Amino acid sequence: MQSTELIRQFLQERLGVDPQQVVNDANLADLGVDSLMLAELMFEAEDRLGISIGSDVVAPKTVGDMVGLIDSLQAAKAGRS
């Protein structure tokens, strides 16, 4: 599953966000993502994609930031395999 699709699906299921609103420059807060929902999104990404997001990671502000974070962690994981 692609990171963008995971984020779209999560936001649609949890917050009722129209998937077409989930674009790279969309601000997560504007989509209704608060700090608790962001933590849940990160846990969902960890569980579904088998990655580990450290507690020292700067909280993403936009969908693109979140996609970049997930993609970089997936690439790092693939490099270790």
PDB file of N, CA and C in Angstrom:
ATOM      1  N   MET A   1       0.846  -1.184   0.000  1.00  0.00           N
ATOM      2  CA  MET A   1       0.000   0.000   0.000  1.00  0.00           C
ATOM      3  C   MET A   1       0.888   1.243   0.000  1.00  0.00           C
ATOM      4  N   GLN A   2       0.553   2.191  -0.835  1.00  0.00           N
ATOM      5  CA  GLN A   2       1.284   3.449  -0.884  1.00  0.00           C
ATOM      6  C   GLN A   2       0.956   4.300   0.329  1.00  0.00           C
ATOM      7  N   SER A   3       1.905   5.107   0.741  1.00  0.00           N
ATOM      8  CA  SER A   3       1.706   5.949   1.912  1.00  0.00           C
ATOM      9  C   SER A   3       0.548   6.928   1.721  1.00  0.00           C
ATOM     10  N   THR A   4       0.430   7.520   0.540  1.00  0.00           N
ATOM     11  CA  THR A   4      -0.662   8.459   0.290  1.00  0.00           C
ATOM     12  C   THR A   4      -2.006   7.763   0.418  1.00  0.00           C
ATOM     13  N   GLU A   5      -2.115   6.563  -0.113  1.00  0.00           N
ATOM     14  CA  GLU A   5      -3.377   5.817  -0.038  1.00  0.00           C
ATOM     15  C   GLU A   5      -3.706   5.461   1.408  1.00  0.00           C
ATOM     16  N   LEU A   6      -2.705   5.085   2.183  1.00  0.00           N
ATOM     17  CA  LEU A   6      -2.926   4.774   3.592  1.00  0.00           C
ATOM     18  C   LEU A   6      -3.471   6.003   4.324  1.00  0.00           C
ATOM     19  N   ILE A   7      -2.891   7.159   4.071  1.00  0.00           N
ATOM     20  CA  ILE A   7      -3.335   8.394   4.722  1.00  0.00           C
ATOM     21  C   ILE A   7      -4.761   8.737   4.290  1.00  0.00           C
ATOM     22  N   ARG A   8      -5.031   8.642   2.996  1.00  0.00           N
ATOM     23  CA  ARG A   8      -6.393   8.914   2.490  1.00  0.00           C
ATOM     24  C   ARG A   8      -7.425   8.011   3.166  1.00  0.00           C
ATOM     25  N   GLN A   9      -7.135   6.728   3.187  1.00  0.00           N
ATOM     26  CA  GLN A   9      -8.056   5.754   3.762  1.00  0.00           C
ATOM     27  C   GLN A   9      -8.264   6.034   5.252  1.00  0.00           C
ATOM     28  N   PHE A  10      -7.196   6.294   5.971  1.00  0.00           N
ATOM     29  CA  PHE A  10      -7.277   6.570   7.400  1.00  0.00           C
ATOM     30  C   PHE A  10      -8.148   7.792   7.669  1.00  0.00           C
ATOM     31  N   LEU A  11      -7.872   8.890   6.959  1.00  0.00           N
ATOM     32  CA  LEU A  11      -8.617  10.126   7.195  1.00  0.00           C
ATOM     33  C   LEU A  11     -10.084  10.011   6.779  1.00  0.00           C
ATOM     34  N   GLN A  12     -10.342   9.241   5.740  1.00  0.00           N
ATOM     35  CA  GLN A  12     -11.726   9.043   5.324  1.00  0.00           C
ATOM     36  C   GLN A  12     -12.488   8.219   6.365  1.00  0.00           C
ATOM     37  N   GLU A  13     -11.872   7.139   6.832  1.00  0.00           N
ATOM     38  CA  GLU A  13     -12.535   6.260   7.806  1.00  0.00           C
ATOM     39  C   GLU A  13     -12.708   6.922   9.163  1.00  0.00           C
ATOM     40  N   ARG A  14     -11.677   7.626   9.638  1.00  0.00           N
ATOM     41  CA  ARG A  14     -11.714   8.188  10.994  1.00  0.00           C
ATOM     42  C   ARG A  14     -12.380   9.553  11.088  1.00  0.00           C
ATOM     43  N   LEU A  15     -12.197  10.373  10.043  1.00  0.00           N
ATOM     44  CA  LEU A  15     -12.679  11.752  10.126  1.00  0.00           C
ATOM     45  C   LEU A  15     -13.693  12.122   9.044  1.00  0.00           C
ATOM     46  N   GLY A  16     -13.957  11.206   8.130  1.00  0.00           N
ATOM     47  CA  GLY A  16     -14.894  11.498   7.054  1.00  0.00           C
ATOM     48  C   GLY A  16     -14.359  12.493   6.032  1.00  0.00           C
ATOM     49  N   VAL A  17     -13.034  12.578   5.919  1.00  0.00           N
ATOM     50  CA  VAL A  17     -12.410  13.515   4.977  1.00  0.00           C
ATOM     51  C   VAL A  17     -12.574  12.987   3.558  1.00  0.00           C
ATOM     52  N   ASP A  18     -12.987  13.856   2.646  1.00  0.00           N
ATOM     53  CA  ASP A  18     -13.087  13.510   1.230  1.00  0.00           C
ATOM     54  C   ASP A  18     -11.685  13.163   0.730  1.00  0.00           C
ATOM     55  N   PRO A  19     -11.494  11.974   0.151  1.00  0.00           N
ATOM     56  CA  PRO A  19     -10.164  11.565  -0.311  1.00  0.00           C
ATOM     57  C   PRO A  19      -9.519  12.555  -1.280  1.00  0.00           C
ATOM     58  N   GLN A  20     -10.324  13.308  -2.026  1.00  0.00           N
ATOM     59  CA  GLN A  20      -9.772  14.272  -2.972  1.00  0.00           C
ATOM     60  C   GLN A  20      -9.141  15.476  -2.267  1.00  0.00           C
ATOM     61  N   GLN A  21      -9.452  15.658  -0.988  1.00  0.00           N
ATOM     62  CA  GLN A  21      -8.843  16.742  -0.212  1.00  0.00           C
ATOM     63  C   GLN A  21      -7.455  16.352   0.304  1.00  0.00           C
ATOM     64  N   VAL A  22      -7.145  15.064   0.273  1.00  0.00           N
ATOM     65  CA  VAL A  22      -5.877  14.576   0.815  1.00  0.00           C
ATOM     66  C   VAL A  22      -4.815  14.666  -0.277  1.00  0.00           C
ATOM     67  N   VAL A  23      -4.247  15.857  -0.381  1.00  0.00           N
ATOM     68  CA  VAL A  23      -3.200  16.149  -1.360  1.00  0.00           C
ATOM     69  C   VAL A  23      -1.959  16.612  -0.595  1.00  0.00           C
ATOM     70  N   ASN A  24      -0.811  16.565  -1.247  1.00  0.00           N
ATOM     71  CA  ASN A  24       0.456  16.839  -0.566  1.00  0.00           C
ATOM     72  C   ASN A  24       0.500  18.168   0.175  1.00  0.00           C
ATOM     73  N   ASP A  25      -0.092  19.218  -0.378  1.00  0.00           N
ATOM     74  CA  ASP A  25       0.013  20.519   0.273  1.00  0.00           C
ATOM     75  C   ASP A  25      -1.104  20.785   1.284  1.00  0.00           C
ATOM     76  N   ALA A  26      -1.972  19.806   1.506  1.00  0.00           N
ATOM     77  CA  ALA A  26      -3.043  19.966   2.489  1.00  0.00           C
ATOM     78  C   ALA A  26      -2.473  19.942   3.909  1.00  0.00           C
ATOM     79  N   ASN A  27      -2.856  20.923   4.706  1.00  0.00           N
ATOM     80  CA  ASN A  27      -2.432  21.003   6.092  1.00  0.00           C
ATOM     81  C   ASN A  27      -3.228  19.975   6.904  1.00  0.00           C
ATOM     82  N   LEU A  28      -2.539  19.135   7.653  1.00  0.00           N
ATOM     83  CA  LEU A  28      -3.213  18.089   8.432  1.00  0.00           C
ATOM     84  C   LEU A  28      -4.216  18.686   9.419  1.00  0.00           C
ATOM     85  N   ALA A  29      -3.864  19.795  10.066  1.00  0.00           N
ATOM     86  CA  ALA A  29      -4.783  20.430  11.020  1.00  0.00           C
ATOM     87  C   ALA A  29      -6.061  20.886  10.319  1.00  0.00           C
ATOM     88  N   ASP A  30      -5.932  21.385   9.093  1.00  0.00           N
ATOM     89  CA  ASP A  30      -7.108  21.824   8.336  1.00  0.00           C
ATOM     90  C   ASP A  30      -8.022  20.656   7.980  1.00  0.00           C
ATOM     91  N   LEU A  31      -7.458  19.455   7.924  1.00  0.00           N
ATOM     92  CA  LEU A  31      -8.249  18.253   7.636  1.00  0.00           C
ATOM     93  C   LEU A  31      -8.864  17.661   8.907  1.00  0.00           C
ATOM     94  N   GLY A  32      -8.592  18.277  10.056  1.00  0.00           N
ATOM     95  CA  GLY A  32      -9.159  17.820  11.319  1.00  0.00           C
ATOM     96  C   GLY A  32      -8.240  16.946  12.144  1.00  0.00           C
ATOM     97  N   VAL A  33      -6.973  16.860  11.748  1.00  0.00           N
ATOM     98  CA  VAL A  33      -6.019  16.011  12.460  1.00  0.00           C
ATOM     99  C   VAL A  33      -5.411  16.796  13.621  1.00  0.00           C
ATOM    100  N   ASP A  34      -5.754  16.385  14.852  1.00  0.00           N
ATOM    101  CA  ASP A  34      -5.133  16.978  16.034  1.00  0.00           C
ATOM    102  C   ASP A  34      -3.972  16.083  16.465  1.00  0.00           C
ATOM    103  N   SER A  35      -3.340  16.401  17.572  1.00  0.00           N
ATOM    104  CA  SER A  35      -2.157  15.636  17.990  1.00  0.00           C
ATOM    105  C   SER A  35      -2.476  14.169  18.276  1.00  0.00           C
ATOM    106  N   LEU A  36      -3.634  13.906  18.855  1.00  0.00           N
ATOM    107  CA  LEU A  36      -4.018  12.523  19.137  1.00  0.00           C
ATOM    108  C   LEU A  36      -4.269  11.751  17.840  1.00  0.00           C
ATOM    109  N   MET A  37      -4.965  12.388  16.904  1.00  0.00           N
ATOM    110  CA  MET A  37      -5.244  11.728  15.623  1.00  0.00           C
ATOM    111  C   MET A  37      -3.954  11.509  14.848  1.00  0.00           C
ATOM    112  N   LEU A  38      -3.004  12.432  14.956  1.00  0.00           N
ATOM    113  CA  LEU A  38      -1.716  12.273  14.289  1.00  0.00           C
ATOM    114  C   LEU A  38      -0.974  11.068  14.860  1.00  0.00           C
ATOM    115  N   ALA A  39      -1.021  10.920  16.175  1.00  0.00           N
ATOM    116  CA  ALA A  39      -0.381   9.759  16.803  1.00  0.00           C
ATOM    117  C   ALA A  39      -1.033   8.466  16.307  1.00  0.00           C
ATOM    118  N   GLU A  40      -2.358   8.460  16.206  1.00  0.00           N
ATOM    119  CA  GLU A  40      -3.054   7.264  15.698  1.00  0.00           C
ATOM    120  C   GLU A  40      -2.661   6.974  14.259  1.00  0.00           C
ATOM    121  N   LEU A  41      -2.537   8.031  13.448  1.00  0.00           N
ATOM    122  CA  LEU A  41      -2.121   7.855  12.055  1.00  0.00           C
ATOM    123  C   LEU A  41      -0.722   7.259  11.981  1.00  0.00           C
ATOM    124  N   MET A  42       0.166   7.735  12.836  1.00  0.00           N
ATOM    125  CA  MET A  42       1.532   7.201  12.854  1.00  0.00           C
ATOM    126  C   MET A  42       1.542   5.734  13.291  1.00  0.00           C
ATOM    127  N   PHE A  43       0.756   5.398  14.303  1.00  0.00           N
ATOM    128  CA  PHE A  43       0.666   4.002  14.742  1.00  0.00           C
ATOM    129  C   PHE A  43       0.102   3.125  13.631  1.00  0.00           C
ATOM    130  N   GLU A  44      -0.893   3.632  12.925  1.00  0.00           N
ATOM    131  CA  GLU A  44      -1.492   2.889  11.804  1.00  0.00           C
ATOM    132  C   GLU A  44      -0.431   2.616  10.734  1.00  0.00           C
ATOM    133  N   ALA A  45       0.360   3.636  10.410  1.00  0.00           N
ATOM    134  CA  ALA A  45       1.421   3.467   9.410  1.00  0.00           C
ATOM    135  C   ALA A  45       2.438   2.433   9.877  1.00  0.00           C
ATOM    136  N   GLU A  46       2.803   2.501  11.145  1.00  0.00           N
ATOM    137  CA  GLU A  46       3.756   1.523  11.686  1.00  0.00           C
ATOM    138  C   GLU A  46       3.202   0.104  11.559  1.00  0.00           C
ATOM    139  N   ASP A  47       1.960  -0.084  11.971  1.00  0.00           N
ATOM    140  CA  ASP A  47       1.348  -1.413  11.943  1.00  0.00           C
ATOM    141  C   ASP A  47       1.181  -1.945  10.524  1.00  0.00           C
ATOM    142  N   ARG A  48       0.669  -1.121   9.628  1.00  0.00           N
ATOM    143  CA  ARG A  48       0.337  -1.591   8.280  1.00  0.00           C
ATOM    144  C   ARG A  48       1.555  -1.710   7.376  1.00  0.00           C
ATOM    145  N   LEU A  49       2.580  -0.894   7.636  1.00  0.00           N
ATOM    146  CA  LEU A  49       3.733  -0.881   6.737  1.00  0.00           C
ATOM    147  C   LEU A  49       4.988  -1.488   7.351  1.00  0.00           C
ATOM    148  N   GLY A  50       4.912  -1.861   8.621  1.00  0.00           N
ATOM    149  CA  GLY A  50       6.049  -2.498   9.266  1.00  0.00           C
ATOM    150  C   GLY A  50       7.236  -1.578   9.473  1.00  0.00           C
ATOM    151  N   ILE A  51       6.943  -0.293   9.707  1.00  0.00           N
ATOM    152  CA  ILE A  51       8.009   0.668   9.959  1.00  0.00           C
ATOM    153  C   ILE A  51       7.964   1.099  11.419  1.00  0.00           C
ATOM    154  N   SER A  52       8.993   1.813  11.838  1.00  0.00           N
ATOM    155  CA  SER A  52       9.037   2.324  13.201  1.00  0.00           C
ATOM    156  C   SER A  52       9.306   3.825  13.142  1.00  0.00           C
ATOM    157  N   ILE A  53       8.372   4.598  13.710  1.00  0.00           N
ATOM    158  CA  ILE A  53       8.510   6.049  13.743  1.00  0.00           C
ATOM    159  C   ILE A  53       8.972   6.437  15.138  1.00  0.00           C
ATOM    160  N   GLY A  54      10.173   6.977  15.233  1.00  0.00           N
ATOM    161  CA  GLY A  54      10.749   7.341  16.521  1.00  0.00           C
ATOM    162  C   GLY A  54      10.025   8.508  17.177  1.00  0.00           C
ATOM    163  N   SER A  55      10.111   8.576  18.486  1.00  0.00           N
ATOM    164  CA  SER A  55       9.449   9.650  19.225  1.00  0.00           C
ATOM    165  C   SER A  55      10.147  10.987  19.022  1.00  0.00           C
ATOM    166  N   ASP A  56      11.354  10.965  18.452  1.00  0.00           N
ATOM    167  CA  ASP A  56      12.096  12.197  18.216  1.00  0.00           C
ATOM    168  C   ASP A  56      11.790  12.834  16.865  1.00  0.00           C
ATOM    169  N   VAL A  57      10.895  12.216  16.091  1.00  0.00           N
ATOM    170  CA  VAL A  57      10.545  12.719  14.766  1.00  0.00           C
ATOM    171  C   VAL A  57       9.716  13.998  14.911  1.00  0.00           C
ATOM    172  N   VAL A  58      10.054  14.987  14.092  1.00  0.00           N
ATOM    173  CA  VAL A  58       9.285  16.231  14.076  1.00  0.00           C
ATOM    174  C   VAL A  58       7.904  15.931  13.492  1.00  0.00           C
ATOM    175  N   ALA A  59       6.872  16.382  14.180  1.00  0.00           N
ATOM    176  CA  ALA A  59       5.500  16.116  13.741  1.00  0.00           C
ATOM    177  C   ALA A  59       5.247  16.738  12.371  1.00  0.00           C
ATOM    178  N   PRO A  60       4.758  15.932  11.432  1.00  0.00           N
ATOM    179  CA  PRO A  60       4.458  16.466  10.104  1.00  0.00           C
ATOM    180  C   PRO A  60       3.307  17.469  10.162  1.00  0.00           C
ATOM    181  N   LYS A  61       3.400  18.499   9.329  1.00  0.00           N
ATOM    182  CA  LYS A  61       2.362  19.535   9.288  1.00  0.00           C
ATOM    183  C   LYS A  61       1.401  19.353   8.117  1.00  0.00           C
ATOM    184  N   THR A  62       1.907  18.766   7.031  1.00  0.00           N
ATOM    185  CA  THR A  62       1.086  18.588   5.825  1.00  0.00           C
ATOM    186  C   THR A  62       1.026  17.112   5.445  1.00  0.00           C
ATOM    187  N   VAL A  63       0.121  16.807   4.538  1.00  0.00           N
ATOM    188  CA  VAL A  63       0.039  15.438   4.015  1.00  0.00           C
ATOM    189  C   VAL A  63       1.372  15.078   3.363  1.00  0.00           C
ATOM    190  N   GLY A  64       1.949  16.006   2.612  1.00  0.00           N
ATOM    191  CA  GLY A  64       3.241  15.756   1.959  1.00  0.00           C
ATOM    192  C   GLY A  64       4.351  15.455   2.950  1.00  0.00           C
ATOM    193  N   ASP A  65       4.344  16.169   4.098  1.00  0.00           N
ATOM    194  CA  ASP A  65       5.331  15.887   5.148  1.00  0.00           C
ATOM    195  C   ASP A  65       5.167  14.455   5.657  1.00  0.00           C
ATOM    196  N   MET A  66       3.925  14.044   5.857  1.00  0.00           N
ATOM    197  CA  MET A  66       3.646  12.695   6.365  1.00  0.00           C
ATOM    198  C   MET A  66       4.055  11.646   5.334  1.00  0.00           C
ATOM    199  N   VAL A  67       3.737  11.896   4.076  1.00  0.00           N
ATOM    200  CA  VAL A  67       4.124  10.977   3.001  1.00  0.00           C
ATOM    201  C   VAL A  67       5.651  10.856   2.952  1.00  0.00           C
ATOM    202  N   GLY A  68       6.343  11.986   3.028  1.00  0.00           N
ATOM    203  CA  GLY A  68       7.807  11.975   2.997  1.00  0.00           C
ATOM    204  C   GLY A  68       8.393  11.186   4.152  1.00  0.00           C
ATOM    205  N   LEU A  69       7.818  11.369   5.336  1.00  0.00           N
ATOM    206  CA  LEU A  69       8.283  10.644   6.516  1.00  0.00           C
ATOM    207  C   LEU A  69       8.103   9.142   6.330  1.00  0.00           C
ATOM    208  N   ILE A  70       6.909   8.737   5.942  1.00  0.00           N
ATOM    209  CA  ILE A  70       6.620   7.307   5.752  1.00  0.00           C
ATOM    210  C   ILE A  70       7.518   6.722   4.660  1.00  0.00           C
ATOM    211  N   ASP A  71       7.615   7.436   3.533  1.00  0.00           N
ATOM    212  CA  ASP A  71       8.414   6.921   2.414  1.00  0.00           C
ATOM    213  C   ASP A  71       9.889   6.781   2.788  1.00  0.00           C
ATOM    214  N   SER A  72      10.417   7.760   3.535  1.00  0.00           N
ATOM    215  CA  SER A  72      11.827   7.668   3.917  1.00  0.00           C
ATOM    216  C   SER A  72      12.068   6.505   4.871  1.00  0.00           C
ATOM    217  N   LEU A  73      11.117   6.254   5.776  1.00  0.00           N
ATOM    218  CA  LEU A  73      11.260   5.125   6.698  1.00  0.00           C
ATOM    219  C   LEU A  73      11.127   3.793   5.968  1.00  0.00           C
ATOM    220  N   GLN A  74      10.241   3.736   4.980  1.00  0.00           N
ATOM    221  CA  GLN A  74      10.116   2.517   4.178  1.00  0.00           C
ATOM    222  C   GLN A  74      11.388   2.263   3.373  1.00  0.00           C
ATOM    223  N   ALA A  75      11.972   3.315   2.820  1.00  0.00           N
ATOM    224  CA  ALA A  75      13.209   3.170   2.049  1.00  0.00           C
ATOM    225  C   ALA A  75      14.346   2.708   2.938  1.00  0.00           C
ATOM    226  N   ALA A  76      14.426   3.275   4.141  1.00  0.00           N
ATOM    227  CA  ALA A  76      15.463   2.863   5.093  1.00  0.00           C
ATOM    228  C   ALA A  76      15.292   1.401   5.482  1.00  0.00           C
ATOM    229  N   LYS A  77      14.049   0.999   5.684  1.00  0.00           N
ATOM    230  CA  LYS A  77      13.772  -0.399   6.037  1.00  0.00           C
ATOM    231  C   LYS A  77      14.172  -1.328   4.879  1.00  0.00           C
ATOM    232  N   ALA A  78      13.849  -0.940   3.662  1.00  0.00           N
ATOM    233  CA  ALA A  78      14.196  -1.752   2.494  1.00  0.00           C
ATOM    234  C   ALA A  78      15.706  -1.864   2.341  1.00  0.00           C
ATOM    235  N   GLY A  79      16.413  -0.786   2.679  1.00  0.00           N
ATOM    236  CA  GLY A  79      17.868  -0.795   2.596  1.00  0.00           C
ATOM    237  C   GLY A  79      18.511  -1.718   3.605  1.00  0.00           C
ATOM    238  N   ARG A  80      17.829  -1.932   4.732  1.00  0.00           N
ATOM    239  CA  ARG A  80      18.348  -2.828   5.783  1.00  0.00           C
ATOM    240  C   ARG A  80      18.042  -4.291   5.495  1.00  0.00           C
ATOM    241  N   SER A  81      17.073  -4.530   4.629  1.00  0.00           N
ATOM    242  CA  SER A  81      16.652  -5.920   4.367  1.00  0.00           C
ATOM    243  C   SER A  81      17.672  -6.668   3.558  1.00  0.00           C
TER     244      SER A  81
END
